Protein backbone atom coordinates (compact mmCIF):
# COMPACT_ATOMS: atom_id res chain seq x y z
CA MET A 1 -30.22 -21.56 -10.08
CA ASN A 2 -33.48 -19.88 -11.03
CA GLY A 3 -34.64 -16.37 -10.21
CA SER A 4 -32.16 -13.89 -8.81
CA ALA A 5 -28.53 -14.80 -8.24
CA ILE A 6 -28.02 -11.56 -6.31
CA SER A 7 -30.74 -9.57 -4.58
CA ILE A 8 -29.97 -6.23 -2.92
CA ARG A 9 -32.42 -4.04 -1.01
CA ASP A 10 -31.61 -0.51 0.23
CA LEU A 11 -28.00 -1.44 0.92
CA SER A 12 -25.82 1.25 2.44
CA LYS A 13 -22.19 1.40 3.54
CA VAL A 14 -20.74 4.19 5.64
CA TYR A 15 -17.06 4.49 6.47
CA ARG A 16 -16.49 6.31 9.74
CA SER A 17 -13.35 7.86 11.16
CA LYS A 18 -12.40 10.51 13.66
CA GLY A 19 -12.61 13.07 10.88
CA GLY A 20 -16.20 12.22 10.00
CA SER A 21 -18.02 9.74 7.81
CA VAL A 22 -18.31 8.92 4.12
CA LYS A 23 -21.33 7.20 2.59
CA ALA A 24 -19.82 4.90 -0.04
CA LEU A 25 -23.12 3.17 -0.91
CA ASP A 26 -26.47 4.89 -0.56
CA SER A 27 -29.70 2.81 -0.65
CA VAL A 28 -28.52 0.52 -3.46
CA SER A 29 -31.19 -1.88 -4.75
CA LEU A 30 -30.53 -4.42 -7.52
CA GLU A 31 -31.93 -7.71 -8.80
CA ILE A 32 -29.37 -9.66 -10.82
CA PRO A 33 -30.98 -12.57 -12.69
CA ALA A 34 -29.28 -15.95 -12.52
CA GLY A 35 -27.37 -16.98 -15.62
CA THR A 36 -26.62 -13.45 -16.83
CA VAL A 37 -23.63 -11.17 -17.19
CA PHE A 38 -24.52 -8.08 -15.18
CA GLY A 39 -22.42 -4.93 -15.48
CA LEU A 40 -21.87 -2.33 -12.79
CA LEU A 41 -20.63 0.71 -14.70
CA GLY A 42 -19.25 3.85 -13.15
CA PRO A 43 -16.20 6.05 -12.69
CA ASN A 44 -13.41 5.34 -10.23
CA GLY A 45 -14.63 5.91 -6.69
CA ALA A 46 -18.29 5.40 -7.56
CA GLY A 47 -18.70 2.50 -5.09
CA LYS A 48 -18.19 -0.53 -7.34
CA THR A 49 -15.46 -2.25 -5.33
CA THR A 50 -17.17 -1.33 -2.06
CA LEU A 51 -20.28 -3.19 -3.25
CA ILE A 52 -18.20 -6.29 -4.00
CA LYS A 53 -16.59 -6.10 -0.55
CA VAL A 54 -20.03 -6.03 1.05
CA LEU A 55 -21.53 -8.79 -1.11
CA THR A 56 -18.60 -11.12 -0.42
CA GLY A 57 -18.71 -10.50 3.32
CA ILE A 58 -15.31 -8.81 3.43
CA SER A 59 -16.83 -5.57 4.69
CA PRO A 60 -20.03 -5.37 6.79
CA MET A 61 -22.98 -3.45 5.43
CA THR A 62 -24.23 -0.47 7.39
CA GLY A 63 -27.87 -0.94 6.44
CA GLY A 64 -30.19 -2.82 4.11
CA GLU A 65 -30.03 -6.47 3.09
CA ALA A 66 -28.53 -8.64 0.38
CA THR A 67 -28.57 -12.27 -0.69
CA VAL A 68 -26.05 -13.99 -2.97
CA ALA A 69 -26.73 -17.46 -4.43
CA GLY A 70 -29.79 -17.65 -2.18
CA PHE A 71 -27.99 -16.93 1.11
CA ASP A 72 -28.11 -13.88 3.33
CA VAL A 73 -24.83 -11.97 3.17
CA ARG A 74 -25.13 -10.77 6.76
CA THR A 75 -26.08 -14.05 8.47
CA ASP A 76 -24.76 -16.73 6.10
CA SER A 77 -21.48 -15.23 4.89
CA LEU A 78 -19.64 -18.58 4.96
CA LYS A 79 -22.27 -20.18 2.72
CA VAL A 80 -22.04 -17.19 0.38
CA ARG A 81 -18.24 -17.47 0.16
CA ALA A 82 -18.51 -21.17 -0.64
CA ARG A 83 -20.65 -20.36 -3.67
CA ILE A 84 -18.79 -17.44 -5.22
CA GLY A 85 -15.64 -16.96 -7.24
CA TRP A 86 -13.77 -13.77 -8.04
CA VAL A 87 -11.38 -12.35 -10.60
CA ALA A 88 -9.24 -9.49 -9.41
CA ALA A 89 -8.41 -6.15 -10.93
CA GLU A 90 -4.82 -7.37 -10.69
CA VAL A 91 -3.74 -10.94 -11.35
CA ILE A 92 -2.91 -12.40 -7.94
CA LEU A 93 -1.01 -15.65 -8.44
CA ASP A 94 1.97 -17.34 -6.82
CA ASP A 95 4.67 -16.86 -9.43
CA ASP A 96 6.97 -19.52 -7.97
CA PHE A 97 4.24 -22.14 -8.33
CA SER A 98 3.18 -23.89 -11.50
CA ALA A 99 -0.35 -23.54 -12.85
CA ARG A 100 -1.33 -26.86 -11.28
CA GLU A 101 0.24 -25.89 -7.97
CA ASN A 102 -1.76 -22.66 -7.96
CA LEU A 103 -4.89 -24.74 -8.43
CA TRP A 104 -3.74 -27.05 -5.62
CA LEU A 105 -3.28 -24.05 -3.32
CA GLN A 106 -6.76 -22.79 -4.19
CA ALA A 107 -8.18 -26.25 -3.41
CA LYS A 108 -6.43 -26.23 -0.03
CA LEU A 109 -7.71 -22.76 0.81
CA GLN A 110 -11.26 -23.88 0.02
CA ASP A 111 -10.90 -27.33 1.58
CA LEU A 112 -11.82 -29.08 -1.68
CA GLU A 113 -11.56 -32.83 -2.13
CA ASP A 114 -11.23 -34.64 -5.47
CA TRP A 115 -10.36 -31.35 -7.15
CA GLU A 116 -7.87 -32.80 -9.66
CA PRO A 117 -10.40 -33.89 -12.34
CA ARG A 118 -12.01 -30.45 -12.26
CA ALA A 119 -8.57 -28.83 -12.49
CA ASP A 120 -7.72 -30.94 -15.54
CA VAL A 121 -10.96 -29.87 -17.24
CA LEU A 122 -10.25 -26.21 -16.56
CA LEU A 123 -6.62 -26.39 -17.68
CA LYS A 124 -7.71 -27.97 -20.95
CA TYR A 125 -10.59 -25.53 -21.44
CA PHE A 126 -8.25 -22.55 -21.07
CA ASP A 127 -5.58 -24.18 -23.24
CA LEU A 128 -3.14 -24.31 -20.32
CA ASP A 129 -2.82 -28.10 -20.07
CA ARG A 130 0.51 -28.20 -21.93
CA ARG A 131 1.92 -25.60 -19.53
CA ALA A 132 0.31 -26.99 -16.38
CA ASP A 133 3.63 -27.81 -14.71
CA ASP A 134 5.44 -24.63 -15.75
CA LYS A 135 6.01 -21.81 -13.29
CA VAL A 136 3.50 -19.01 -13.61
CA SER A 137 6.33 -16.45 -13.65
CA GLY A 138 6.93 -17.41 -17.29
CA PHE A 139 3.30 -16.95 -18.36
CA SER A 140 2.04 -14.12 -20.55
CA THR A 141 -0.55 -11.70 -19.18
CA GLY A 142 -3.28 -13.49 -21.10
CA MET A 143 -2.27 -16.90 -19.72
CA ARG A 144 -2.18 -15.50 -16.20
CA LYS A 145 -5.69 -14.09 -16.60
CA LYS A 146 -6.91 -17.47 -17.86
CA LEU A 147 -5.43 -19.19 -14.82
CA GLU A 148 -6.98 -16.63 -12.51
CA ILE A 149 -10.42 -17.42 -13.96
CA ALA A 150 -9.70 -21.15 -13.65
CA LEU A 151 -9.00 -20.62 -9.93
CA ALA A 152 -12.32 -18.81 -9.59
CA LEU A 153 -14.16 -21.72 -11.23
CA LEU A 154 -12.41 -24.56 -9.41
CA HIS A 155 -15.08 -25.03 -6.71
CA GLN A 156 -17.96 -24.69 -9.22
CA PRO A 157 -19.38 -21.40 -7.94
CA ALA A 158 -22.84 -20.10 -8.76
CA VAL A 159 -21.65 -16.49 -9.02
CA ILE A 160 -18.35 -14.93 -10.13
CA PHE A 161 -17.38 -11.37 -9.28
CA MET A 162 -15.06 -9.70 -11.79
CA ASP A 163 -13.83 -6.39 -10.43
CA GLU A 164 -12.33 -4.24 -13.22
CA PRO A 165 -10.70 -7.36 -14.74
CA THR A 166 -9.20 -5.65 -17.81
CA ILE A 167 -7.47 -2.66 -16.21
CA GLY A 168 -3.99 -2.19 -17.62
CA LEU A 169 -4.38 -4.77 -20.40
CA ASP A 170 -3.50 -4.04 -24.00
CA VAL A 171 -6.30 -4.01 -26.56
CA ASN A 172 -5.67 -7.55 -27.84
CA THR A 173 -5.53 -9.09 -24.37
CA ARG A 174 -8.65 -7.18 -23.35
CA ARG A 175 -10.56 -8.50 -26.38
CA MET A 176 -9.33 -12.03 -25.59
CA LEU A 177 -10.62 -11.68 -22.04
CA TRP A 178 -14.00 -10.50 -23.35
CA GLU A 179 -14.28 -13.72 -25.37
CA ILE A 180 -13.30 -15.75 -22.32
CA VAL A 181 -15.92 -14.08 -20.12
CA THR A 182 -18.63 -14.79 -22.68
CA GLY A 183 -17.45 -18.38 -23.11
CA VAL A 184 -17.18 -19.10 -19.39
CA HIS A 185 -20.63 -17.69 -18.76
CA LYS A 186 -22.14 -20.01 -21.36
CA GLU A 187 -19.97 -23.09 -20.77
CA PHE A 188 -20.16 -23.22 -16.98
CA GLY A 189 -23.55 -21.56 -16.43
CA VAL A 190 -22.34 -19.05 -13.86
CA THR A 191 -23.76 -15.61 -13.14
CA VAL A 192 -21.14 -12.90 -13.64
CA LEU A 193 -21.15 -9.54 -11.85
CA LEU A 194 -18.66 -7.40 -13.76
CA THR A 195 -17.56 -3.97 -12.56
CA THR A 196 -15.98 -1.64 -15.07
CA HIS A 197 -15.43 1.97 -16.03
CA TYR A 198 -14.93 1.02 -19.68
CA ILE A 199 -18.05 1.90 -21.68
CA GLU A 200 -17.29 -0.46 -24.57
CA GLU A 201 -16.73 -3.34 -22.15
CA ALA A 202 -20.15 -2.98 -20.58
CA GLU A 203 -21.81 -2.73 -23.99
CA ALA A 204 -19.93 -5.75 -25.38
CA LEU A 205 -20.38 -8.16 -22.48
CA CYS A 206 -23.40 -7.35 -20.35
CA ASP A 207 -27.00 -8.51 -20.61
CA ARG A 208 -27.99 -5.81 -18.15
CA VAL A 209 -26.15 -2.78 -16.77
CA ALA A 210 -26.54 -0.62 -13.68
CA ILE A 211 -24.87 2.80 -13.73
CA ILE A 212 -23.49 3.84 -10.35
CA ASP A 213 -22.24 7.27 -9.32
CA HIS A 214 -21.31 8.51 -5.84
CA GLY A 215 -22.78 5.37 -4.30
CA HIS A 216 -26.17 5.73 -6.03
CA ILE A 217 -27.64 3.52 -8.75
CA ILE A 218 -28.80 6.19 -11.18
CA ALA A 219 -30.08 3.95 -13.99
CA GLN A 220 -30.31 0.29 -14.93
CA GLY A 221 -31.58 -1.86 -17.78
CA THR A 222 -30.31 -3.55 -20.90
CA PRO A 223 -27.75 -1.54 -22.89
CA ALA A 224 -30.43 -0.95 -25.53
CA GLU A 225 -32.96 0.26 -22.94
CA LEU A 226 -30.46 2.65 -21.39
CA LYS A 227 -29.38 4.09 -24.73
CA ALA A 228 -33.02 4.59 -25.70
CA ARG A 229 -33.30 7.10 -22.83
CA VAL A 230 -31.06 9.52 -24.70
CA LYS A 231 -32.87 11.07 -27.65
CA ALA A 232 -29.98 13.22 -28.78
CA ASP A 233 -26.62 13.29 -30.55
CA ILE A 234 -23.46 14.91 -29.26
CA VAL A 235 -21.38 16.94 -31.73
CA ARG A 236 -17.83 17.54 -30.48
CA LEU A 237 -15.62 20.32 -31.79
CA ASP A 238 -11.93 20.88 -31.16
CA THR A 239 -11.34 24.51 -32.08
CA ASP A 240 -8.61 27.16 -31.98
CA GLU A 241 -10.97 29.73 -30.52
CA ALA A 242 -13.94 29.93 -28.19
CA LEU A 243 -17.37 29.44 -29.66
CA ASP A 244 -20.10 32.05 -29.60
CA VAL A 245 -22.31 30.07 -27.22
CA PRO A 246 -25.45 32.26 -27.42
CA ARG A 247 -25.34 32.26 -31.20
CA ILE A 248 -24.94 28.48 -31.44
CA SER A 249 -27.56 27.91 -28.77
CA ALA A 250 -30.02 29.80 -30.98
CA ILE A 251 -29.67 27.24 -33.81
CA PRO A 252 -32.87 25.16 -34.01
CA GLY A 253 -32.44 21.74 -32.42
CA VAL A 254 -29.52 22.69 -30.13
CA GLN A 255 -30.26 21.59 -26.57
CA GLU A 256 -26.99 22.46 -24.84
CA VAL A 257 -23.53 23.89 -25.57
CA ARG A 258 -20.85 22.99 -23.07
CA SER A 259 -17.10 23.56 -22.83
CA GLU A 260 -15.06 20.44 -21.95
CA GLY A 261 -11.43 21.46 -21.68
CA ASN A 262 -10.16 22.05 -25.22
CA GLU A 263 -13.37 20.71 -26.73
CA TRP A 264 -16.94 21.90 -27.13
CA ALA A 265 -19.85 19.51 -26.79
CA ILE A 266 -23.09 20.42 -28.51
CA ARG A 267 -26.13 18.36 -27.65
CA THR A 268 -28.70 18.29 -30.43
CA ALA A 269 -31.81 16.42 -31.45
CA SER A 270 -30.20 15.53 -34.78
CA ALA A 271 -26.55 15.91 -35.77
CA ALA A 272 -27.45 15.60 -39.46
CA THR A 273 -29.75 18.59 -39.18
CA LEU A 274 -27.40 20.64 -37.02
CA LEU A 275 -24.14 20.32 -38.94
CA PRO A 276 -24.99 22.47 -41.99
CA ALA A 277 -26.29 25.30 -39.79
CA LEU A 278 -23.37 24.93 -37.38
CA LEU A 279 -20.73 25.12 -40.11
CA ALA A 280 -22.45 28.19 -41.50
CA THR A 281 -22.27 29.83 -38.07
CA ILE A 282 -18.68 29.22 -36.97
CA ARG A 283 -15.33 30.02 -38.59
CA THR A 284 -14.51 26.64 -40.13
CA ASP A 285 -10.77 27.26 -40.43
CA SER A 286 -10.61 27.33 -36.60
CA VAL A 287 -11.95 23.76 -36.36
CA ARG A 288 -9.25 21.14 -35.82
CA ARG A 289 -11.57 18.18 -35.43
CA ILE A 290 -15.29 17.44 -35.42
CA THR A 291 -16.90 14.19 -34.28
CA VAL A 292 -20.45 12.96 -33.79
CA GLU A 293 -21.57 10.58 -31.05
CA GLY A 294 -24.87 8.76 -31.23
CA PRO A 295 -26.58 7.41 -28.11
CA SER A 296 -24.23 5.22 -26.05
CA LEU A 297 -23.77 4.31 -22.42
CA GLU A 298 -21.31 7.19 -22.32
CA THR A 299 -23.98 9.65 -23.41
CA VAL A 300 -26.41 8.07 -20.94
CA PHE A 301 -23.96 8.78 -18.12
CA LEU A 302 -23.33 12.27 -19.49
CA ASP A 303 -27.07 12.89 -19.72
CA LEU A 304 -27.64 11.77 -16.12
CA THR A 305 -24.65 13.42 -14.45
CA GLY A 306 -23.36 16.12 -16.78
CA ARG A 307 -19.95 14.41 -16.71
CA ARG A 308 -18.07 11.85 -18.78
CA ILE A 309 -16.79 8.66 -17.17
CA GLY A 310 -13.06 9.24 -16.70
CA GLN A 311 -10.75 6.82 -18.46
CA GLU A 312 -7.81 7.20 -16.10
CA GLU A 313 -6.43 4.10 -14.45
CA PRO A 314 -7.19 4.01 -10.71
CA MET A 315 -4.27 4.47 -8.39
CA ARG A 316 -5.14 2.06 -5.62
CA ASP A 317 -3.47 -0.77 -3.71
CA VAL A 318 -5.74 -3.73 -4.39
CA ARG A 319 -3.31 -6.59 -3.78
CA LYS A 320 -3.91 -6.69 -0.03
CA PHE A 321 -7.69 -6.64 -0.47
CA TYR A 322 -7.72 -9.43 -3.05
CA ALA A 323 -5.20 -11.60 -1.19
CA ASN A 324 -7.47 -11.32 1.85
CA MET A 325 -10.54 -12.01 -0.28
CA ARG A 326 -9.00 -15.12 -1.84
CA ARG A 327 -8.43 -16.65 1.59
CA GLN A 328 -11.81 -15.66 3.00
CA VAL A 329 -13.81 -17.01 0.06
CA GLY A 330 -12.74 -20.46 1.15
CA GLY A 331 -14.31 -19.81 4.53
């Protein structure tokens, strides 16, 4: 596929109830090039999963237009579903089935014929071929994630949606999944739309990133382009006492002094220049910890919104949504 794998123009989504309405997506426009890993980065509740629901035809859009794999989401939803795969925030597998039986079930749901050779290729690629006939209930988290991705690839989709795929994983399993995402993208030539609220994940995996907040796309570009927007360092202090904000603000190069819970964040043109003057201004024995952050996607988000992306795990029931999605993707 050449050009754009996903094209979105002024897309909006409003949830209405007796108590009023909530605009979950507000005039979202994106062009996601084919053959790339595209990251949608934002805090919980920013609209990431809502966008996936709309693009997969699970939830109707309120306004705007979108195409996925060359087909209109509104008028050709069945053709879209036939050309997409997905990887859930939670692993949704049938534990009483073997790996091969899970692939068989996926083939049935999508009405695939001659699926066995493709399944054998995927099982071998993900190093699951020796466990193909074992029940999934005995698989490790990493093996289960591999099988989930194999299910998503079984019908040779053009686009794969990965919605917060590493939530709840330990560091080693998360890193393993990063390697898998990169490998799958290159080996099978699929476009990946990855949603995440992990800064390091977006930086490690994505060719391009869009930052979303409260249903708005507030910035997009390559990670390097986005970080180049922030021409400042953040010096963080954990102190026993409050800082003299006016006095620190008067230090040359200081752009902002902000309290963040038990920490103080000082935005400056140059941390190297600031630190000597800062340490001469404050009582150093009150400082428990001092850290310096250079430009990152975190500081981009902070620069644009005045907030940090929260790292809490979302408390949401996604099993019902993804079980429904798995069945509908097959048409």
